[in-house]
Each structure stands twice: as C-alpha cells, then as structure tokens.
Amino acid sequence: MGLHFNFQEILTAFMVLFAVIDITGSVPVIVGLNATGKKVRAGQSALLSLLILVVFLFAGDGLLHLFNTDIASFALAGALVLFALAVEMTFNVELFKNDSSAGQSAIVPVVFPLVAGPGTLTTALSLRAECHVENIIVAIVLNMLLVFLVLWKIHWVEKLIGRNGIYIARRFFGVILIAMSMKLFVSNFRILWAG
C-alpha cells in the first residue's frame, strides 16, 4: 500500500485544523499565563500536542470499532462539533466551557484544551473521511510548527497582529470553518444515506 501525498488534501486538512486550533485567538490567554509566572514552553507544548493528535488519529479508529461505529458517522458528529466551534468564533458566544483552573501548570491549558482539545481531536479523526492519513499527519506537523513559532515569539506575535487583528482573524476563520463543517456534514450524510 503506497503513500498518497496530495497537496490539495494537505492544504484542506491544514486549513481546517488551523481554524479549529485558532492559535492566534489564544494569544491573549497565553500572554496572560506568562504574566502570572506560568512559563509556556513552546517546544514542549507543540511536541506534546503533536504526539496526542497523531496517537488519537490512529487509536481513535480502534475506539470507533470498540463502540461499533464508523468513520462516516464520527465525521458527521465531528462536523456538528466543528459547526459549534465555528459559531463560537464567528458570533463570540461560549458553547464549550473551559474548566481549566488557574492552579494547573501551563501545559494543561495550552496543550489541552487550547491546542489538542476535544474539537481538534474530533476534527483530526473526522478528516479521515475526506483525506488520506499521511496528508493529515503532514497538516498536523505543519500546524504544530506554527503553534511552536507563535508560542516561541508570543509577544512579537501579539504586537504584530494586535487586538483588532486577532478579532478579525477569529471571525474570518470562524466563517471558513462554518463552510468546511457544512461540506463535511453533507458529504458524510450522503455516504450514510447511500449505505
């Protein structure tokens, strides 16, 4: 079984994951953590997030079989989660409560739920219905490189983008995510309907 690297699939997976992770939208949270003395380690956070996502990408399939479901059904559920995340980003409403407490280490709020949270894990697995797994892994690696760069140069990124830039980027990717979640929903609904 050969590898099926495809630029279009890599780009699609990258954009979807980038919108869900929303690292630029997390800049104020990360700056706040650093200000309270919790040093966010860029390399450690990006590497741990990468590990969690890749492991879930493969182990998640086994979990689906364990619960007697398939990728198309999971992708359909994932599309609904993506849609909810997109609504949060676009309309600035809170649908998913962040329960991470202030007493925890910076790894917990940064790696989970900010980077490798439920939305990102669901998205990575849902993308298997649309893209080859090797293209999703490349997209995950590229996103984690971006996460590393943002965390490493956090104050520079904050100054470069600014509050208005972060606000606009969040809304823009929220709208893109709505469109992508609808596409994911429709294509997998057709698969289930035909089956």
Protein backbone atom coordinates (compact mmCIF):
# COMPACT_ATOMS: atom_id res chain seq x y z
CA MET A 1 0.00 0.00 0.00
CA GLY A 2 1.69 3.20 -1.22
CA LEU A 3 1.58 6.69 0.18
CA HIS A 4 -0.89 9.14 -1.34
CA PHE A 5 0.56 12.60 -0.74
CA ASN A 6 -1.75 15.23 -2.18
CA PHE A 7 -1.18 18.98 -1.89
CA GLN A 8 -4.92 19.75 -2.04
CA GLU A 9 -5.68 17.32 0.82
CA ILE A 10 -2.76 18.68 2.90
CA LEU A 11 -3.99 22.25 2.34
CA THR A 12 -7.59 21.34 3.22
CA ALA A 13 -6.58 19.46 6.39
CA PHE A 14 -4.13 22.24 7.35
CA MET A 15 -6.76 24.99 6.97
CA VAL A 16 -9.43 23.07 8.91
CA LEU A 17 -7.02 22.24 11.77
CA PHE A 18 -5.59 25.78 11.77
CA ALA A 19 -9.10 27.23 12.12
CA VAL A 20 -10.02 24.80 14.94
CA ILE A 21 -6.74 25.23 16.88
CA ASP A 22 -7.03 29.03 16.44
CA ILE A 23 -3.59 29.68 17.94
CA THR A 24 -3.76 33.40 17.08
CA GLY A 25 -7.04 33.66 19.02
CA SER A 26 -5.30 32.05 22.00
CA VAL A 27 -2.52 34.68 22.10
CA PRO A 28 -4.19 36.78 24.89
CA VAL A 29 -4.66 33.62 27.04
CA ILE A 30 -1.00 32.60 26.58
CA VAL A 31 0.24 36.14 27.31
CA GLY A 32 -1.89 36.07 30.47
CA LEU A 33 -0.34 32.74 31.57
CA ASN A 34 3.18 34.13 31.06
CA ALA A 35 2.24 37.28 33.00
CA THR A 36 1.14 35.19 36.01
CA GLY A 37 4.52 33.44 36.10
CA LYS A 38 3.50 30.27 34.25
CA LYS A 39 6.18 29.93 31.60
CA VAL A 40 4.69 28.41 28.45
CA ARG A 41 7.38 26.18 26.92
CA ALA A 42 6.95 26.35 23.13
CA GLY A 43 8.82 23.16 22.19
CA GLN A 44 7.31 21.01 24.94
CA SER A 45 3.76 22.22 24.25
CA ALA A 46 3.99 21.74 20.45
CA LEU A 47 5.63 18.30 20.74
CA LEU A 48 3.11 17.02 23.29
CA SER A 49 0.21 18.33 21.19
CA LEU A 50 1.67 16.62 18.09
CA LEU A 51 2.00 13.32 19.98
CA ILE A 52 -1.59 13.45 21.30
CA LEU A 53 -3.04 14.26 17.85
CA VAL A 54 -1.09 11.58 15.94
CA VAL A 55 -1.81 8.89 18.56
CA PHE A 56 -5.53 9.78 18.54
CA LEU A 57 -5.54 9.78 14.73
CA PHE A 58 -4.63 6.06 14.79
CA ALA A 59 -6.04 4.90 18.15
CA GLY A 60 -9.30 6.77 17.59
CA ASP A 61 -10.20 4.35 14.78
CA GLY A 62 -9.84 1.42 17.19
CA LEU A 63 -12.06 3.24 19.67
CA LEU A 64 -14.72 3.66 16.97
CA HIS A 65 -14.71 -0.09 16.30
CA LEU A 66 -14.90 -0.72 20.04
CA PHE A 67 -18.10 1.37 20.18
CA ASN A 68 -19.41 -0.21 16.94
CA THR A 69 -19.44 2.93 14.82
CA ASP A 70 -17.73 4.01 11.58
CA ILE A 71 -15.69 6.97 10.28
CA ALA A 72 -18.62 8.47 8.34
CA SER A 73 -20.82 8.56 11.48
CA PHE A 74 -18.00 10.01 13.54
CA ALA A 75 -17.25 12.57 10.81
CA LEU A 76 -20.92 13.58 10.85
CA ALA A 77 -20.75 14.12 14.63
CA GLY A 78 -17.40 15.88 14.16
CA ALA A 79 -18.97 18.23 11.60
CA LEU A 80 -21.56 19.26 14.21
CA VAL A 81 -18.78 19.93 16.78
CA LEU A 82 -16.89 21.96 14.14
CA PHE A 83 -20.04 23.92 13.40
CA ALA A 84 -20.49 24.70 17.12
CA LEU A 85 -16.83 25.83 17.37
CA ALA A 86 -17.31 27.99 14.26
CA VAL A 87 -20.41 29.61 15.81
CA GLU A 88 -18.31 30.41 18.93
CA MET A 89 -15.59 32.01 16.79
CA THR A 90 -17.92 33.94 14.48
CA PHE A 91 -20.51 35.21 16.95
CA ASN A 92 -18.33 35.42 20.10
CA VAL A 93 -20.57 33.15 22.20
CA GLU A 94 -19.41 30.46 24.65
CA LEU A 95 -20.79 27.00 23.90
CA PHE A 96 -17.87 24.99 25.31
CA LYS A 97 -16.96 25.90 28.88
CA ASN A 98 -13.22 25.94 29.62
CA ASP A 99 -12.86 24.29 33.04
CA SER A 100 -9.08 24.58 33.34
CA SER A 101 -8.27 26.05 36.74
CA ALA A 102 -5.64 28.70 37.46
CA GLY A 103 -3.71 26.34 39.76
CA GLN A 104 -2.75 23.93 36.98
CA SER A 105 0.51 24.04 35.03
CA ALA A 106 0.72 25.96 31.76
CA ILE A 107 0.90 22.63 29.84
CA VAL A 108 -2.72 21.83 30.77
CA PRO A 109 -4.49 24.92 29.42
CA VAL A 110 -2.12 25.29 26.44
CA VAL A 111 -1.86 21.67 25.21
CA PHE A 112 -5.35 20.75 26.42
CA PRO A 113 -7.80 22.28 25.67
CA LEU A 114 -6.25 25.17 23.64
CA VAL A 115 -4.24 23.17 21.06
CA ALA A 116 -5.09 19.45 21.27
CA GLY A 117 -8.57 19.87 22.71
CA PRO A 118 -11.75 17.86 22.01
CA GLY A 119 -12.52 19.93 18.90
CA THR A 120 -9.06 19.34 17.38
CA LEU A 121 -9.08 15.60 18.20
CA THR A 122 -12.58 15.19 16.72
CA THR A 123 -11.55 17.19 13.64
CA ALA A 124 -8.37 15.14 13.03
CA LEU A 125 -10.35 11.89 13.11
CA SER A 126 -13.23 13.32 11.07
CA LEU A 127 -10.78 14.39 8.34
CA ARG A 128 -10.00 10.71 7.69
CA ALA A 129 -13.31 10.55 5.82
CA GLU A 130 -12.04 13.24 3.40
CA CYS A 131 -8.23 12.87 3.28
CA HIS A 132 -5.53 10.17 3.31
CA VAL A 133 -3.98 9.74 6.77
CA GLU A 134 -0.45 10.74 5.60
CA ASN A 135 -1.80 14.09 4.36
CA ILE A 136 -3.50 14.69 7.73
CA ILE A 137 -0.20 13.92 9.54
CA VAL A 138 1.66 16.44 7.33
CA ALA A 139 -1.08 19.02 8.08
CA ILE A 140 -0.79 18.29 11.84
CA VAL A 141 3.03 18.67 11.74
CA LEU A 142 2.75 21.97 9.84
CA ASN A 143 0.20 23.26 12.35
CA MET A 144 2.40 22.24 15.29
CA LEU A 145 5.35 24.10 13.70
CA LEU A 146 3.11 27.16 13.53
CA VAL A 147 1.99 26.64 17.14
CA PHE A 148 5.66 26.38 18.17
CA LEU A 149 6.57 29.63 16.36
CA VAL A 150 3.61 31.53 17.87
CA LEU A 151 4.38 30.27 21.41
CA TRP A 152 8.11 30.95 20.97
CA LYS A 153 7.60 34.53 19.77
CA ILE A 154 4.35 35.22 21.63
CA HIS A 155 4.96 38.90 22.50
CA TRP A 156 6.16 39.64 18.96
CA VAL A 157 3.02 37.95 17.53
CA GLU A 158 0.80 39.94 19.91
CA LYS A 159 2.38 43.23 18.79
CA LEU A 160 2.31 42.25 15.09
CA ILE A 161 -1.34 41.14 14.97
CA GLY A 162 -2.76 43.45 17.63
CA ARG A 163 -6.16 43.11 19.32
CA ASN A 164 -8.09 44.10 16.19
CA GLY A 165 -6.09 41.66 14.05
CA ILE A 166 -6.84 38.79 16.44
CA TYR A 167 -10.55 39.75 16.44
CA ILE A 168 -10.72 39.87 12.62
CA ALA A 169 -8.74 36.61 12.16
CA ARG A 170 -11.01 34.80 14.62
CA ARG A 171 -14.17 35.92 12.76
CA PHE A 172 -12.66 35.17 9.33
CA PHE A 173 -11.64 31.61 10.23
CA GLY A 174 -14.96 31.11 12.00
CA VAL A 175 -16.80 31.71 8.70
CA ILE A 176 -14.36 29.40 6.82
CA LEU A 177 -14.94 26.74 9.48
CA ILE A 178 -18.74 27.00 9.06
CA ALA A 179 -18.34 26.34 5.31
CA MET A 180 -15.95 23.42 5.90
CA SER A 181 -18.16 21.86 8.58
CA MET A 182 -21.16 22.04 6.21
CA LYS A 183 -19.16 20.33 3.45
CA LEU A 184 -18.02 17.59 5.86
CA PHE A 185 -21.60 17.12 7.08
CA VAL A 186 -23.17 16.91 3.60
CA SER A 187 -20.55 14.53 2.12
CA ASN A 188 -20.76 12.10 5.06
CA PHE A 189 -24.55 12.34 5.28
CA ARG A 190 -24.65 11.19 1.64
CA ILE A 191 -22.38 8.21 2.48
CA LEU A 192 -24.63 7.14 5.36
CA TRP A 193 -27.81 7.74 3.30
CA ALA A 194 -26.44 5.63 0.41
CA GLY A 195 -25.34 2.89 2.84
